[in-house]
Amino acid sequence: MDEIAITGIRGFGYHGLFEHEKKDGQEFFVDIRITADLSTSGQSDRIESTIDYGKVAIRVKELIETNSFNLIERLAEVIAERLKSEFAIDAIEVTVHKPNAPVGIDLRDISVTIRR
C-alpha cells in the first residue's frame, strides 16, 4: 500500500475539559497519514484518480474549527471517521497536537495518535 502524509494542519478550536478552553480556544495541529492504492494515479497522472490532499487538509481544518469536544481523542476519531467516509482511504492515522494543553507545567506538546 501507498501513503499520503500531511503534517501540521493548523486550526483554531475549542476543545478541552475546562470552560476557558471552550470559551477562549487555542491552536491545534493535526498530522494525517493515509494508506491507499495510488498506482492508478501514478499511471494516469490525473487528480481525479487519487486522493486530493488539498481537499483532505481543508476538511481537517474545518473539523478542528467547527466542532467542540472535551477530548482530543474524540477530535481524532471524528477526523478519521469523516475522512474515511468522504475519501477512498484504506487506513488512516490521525495525530492531534495540543501544544497549549493546560496541564500545569511547561511543555512543548501533547498529542494523541489513532489508527483506523
Protein backbone atom coordinates (compact mmCIF):
# COMPACT_ATOMS: atom_id res chain seq x y z
CA MET A 1 0.00 0.00 0.00
CA ASP A 2 0.99 3.55 -0.64
CA GLU A 3 0.85 6.53 1.70
CA ILE A 4 -0.04 10.20 1.65
CA ALA A 5 1.24 12.22 4.62
CA ILE A 6 0.03 15.70 5.53
CA THR A 7 1.61 17.29 8.59
CA GLY A 8 0.96 20.41 10.59
CA ILE A 9 -2.61 21.21 9.56
CA ARG A 10 -3.37 24.18 11.81
CA GLY A 11 -6.78 25.16 13.11
CA PHE A 12 -8.14 27.25 15.95
CA GLY A 13 -10.54 25.18 18.01
CA TYR A 14 -12.48 24.98 21.24
CA HIS A 15 -11.59 21.52 22.53
CA GLY A 16 -10.89 20.73 26.16
CA LEU A 17 -12.35 19.94 29.54
CA PHE A 18 -12.11 23.42 31.00
CA GLU A 19 -14.55 26.27 30.46
CA HIS A 20 -11.76 28.66 29.41
CA GLU A 21 -10.72 26.22 26.66
CA LYS A 22 -14.29 26.15 25.35
CA LYS A 23 -14.57 29.95 25.59
CA ASP A 24 -11.13 31.20 24.52
CA GLY A 25 -9.99 28.38 22.24
CA GLN A 26 -6.45 27.56 21.16
CA GLU A 27 -4.42 26.30 18.23
CA PHE A 28 -4.43 22.63 17.35
CA PHE A 29 -2.26 20.87 14.79
CA VAL A 30 -3.15 17.65 13.01
CA ASP A 31 -0.98 15.18 11.11
CA ILE A 32 -2.58 12.69 8.74
CA ARG A 33 -1.17 9.52 7.20
CA ILE A 34 -3.44 7.94 4.61
CA THR A 35 -2.89 4.43 3.29
CA ALA A 36 -4.38 3.81 -0.14
CA ASP A 37 -3.58 2.30 -3.51
CA LEU A 38 -2.06 5.14 -5.53
CA SER A 39 -0.97 3.04 -8.51
CA THR A 40 -3.79 4.24 -10.76
CA SER A 41 -2.97 7.89 -10.17
CA GLY A 42 0.73 7.15 -10.57
CA GLN A 43 -0.03 5.79 -14.03
CA SER A 44 -2.72 8.28 -15.10
CA ASP A 45 -1.24 11.49 -13.67
CA ARG A 46 -4.79 12.73 -13.09
CA ILE A 47 -6.10 14.31 -9.88
CA GLU A 48 -9.42 12.51 -10.35
CA SER A 49 -7.72 9.16 -9.77
CA THR A 50 -6.15 9.98 -6.43
CA ILE A 51 -6.99 11.37 -3.01
CA ASP A 52 -6.86 15.15 -3.32
CA TYR A 53 -4.67 16.06 -0.35
CA GLY A 54 -5.65 19.71 -0.65
CA LYS A 55 -9.28 18.77 -0.06
CA VAL A 56 -8.25 16.48 2.80
CA ALA A 57 -6.32 19.31 4.50
CA ILE A 58 -9.20 21.76 4.10
CA ARG A 59 -11.64 19.21 5.55
CA VAL A 60 -9.41 18.57 8.58
CA LYS A 61 -9.15 22.32 9.27
CA GLU A 62 -12.96 22.59 9.06
CA LEU A 63 -13.37 19.72 11.52
CA ILE A 64 -10.96 21.32 14.00
CA GLU A 65 -12.74 24.66 13.79
CA THR A 66 -16.43 23.70 13.61
CA ASN A 67 -16.64 21.22 16.47
CA SER A 68 -16.09 21.34 20.22
CA PHE A 69 -15.06 18.21 22.08
CA ASN A 70 -13.82 17.56 25.61
CA LEU A 71 -11.02 15.25 24.45
CA ILE A 72 -8.56 15.41 21.58
CA GLU A 73 -9.14 11.66 21.31
CA ARG A 74 -12.68 12.45 20.15
CA LEU A 75 -11.44 15.05 17.68
CA ALA A 76 -9.03 12.49 16.21
CA GLU A 77 -11.81 9.90 15.97
CA VAL A 78 -14.18 12.29 14.19
CA ILE A 79 -11.46 13.31 11.73
CA ALA A 80 -10.69 9.65 10.95
CA GLU A 81 -14.36 8.73 10.57
CA ARG A 82 -15.18 11.66 8.28
CA LEU A 83 -12.13 11.28 6.06
CA LYS A 84 -12.71 7.55 5.67
CA SER A 85 -16.31 8.19 4.68
CA GLU A 86 -15.50 11.00 2.24
CA PHE A 87 -12.35 9.72 0.51
CA ALA A 88 -11.12 6.36 -0.85
CA ILE A 89 -8.96 5.56 2.16
CA ASP A 90 -7.95 2.04 3.17
CA ALA A 91 -6.40 3.04 6.50
CA ILE A 92 -5.70 6.30 8.29
CA GLU A 93 -3.53 7.55 11.11
CA VAL A 94 -4.53 10.82 12.78
CA THR A 95 -2.37 12.69 15.28
CA VAL A 96 -3.88 15.67 17.09
CA HIS A 97 -1.39 18.01 18.77
CA LYS A 98 -2.45 20.28 21.62
CA PRO A 99 0.68 22.32 22.33
CA ASN A 100 -1.01 24.63 24.83
CA ALA A 101 -2.71 21.95 26.91
CA PRO A 102 -3.35 23.28 30.43
CA VAL A 103 -1.56 20.61 32.45
CA GLY A 104 0.20 22.82 34.98
CA ILE A 105 3.76 22.60 33.63
CA ASP A 106 5.63 23.98 30.64
CA LEU A 107 5.91 21.50 27.82
CA ARG A 108 6.30 21.55 24.07
CA ASP A 109 3.35 19.40 23.02
CA ILE A 110 0.78 16.80 23.96
CA SER A 111 -0.59 14.63 21.20
CA VAL A 112 -2.87 11.68 20.62
CA THR A 113 -2.49 9.30 17.67
CA ILE A 114 -5.17 6.88 16.48
CA ARG A 115 -5.08 4.35 13.64
CA ARG A 116 -8.20 3.17 11.88
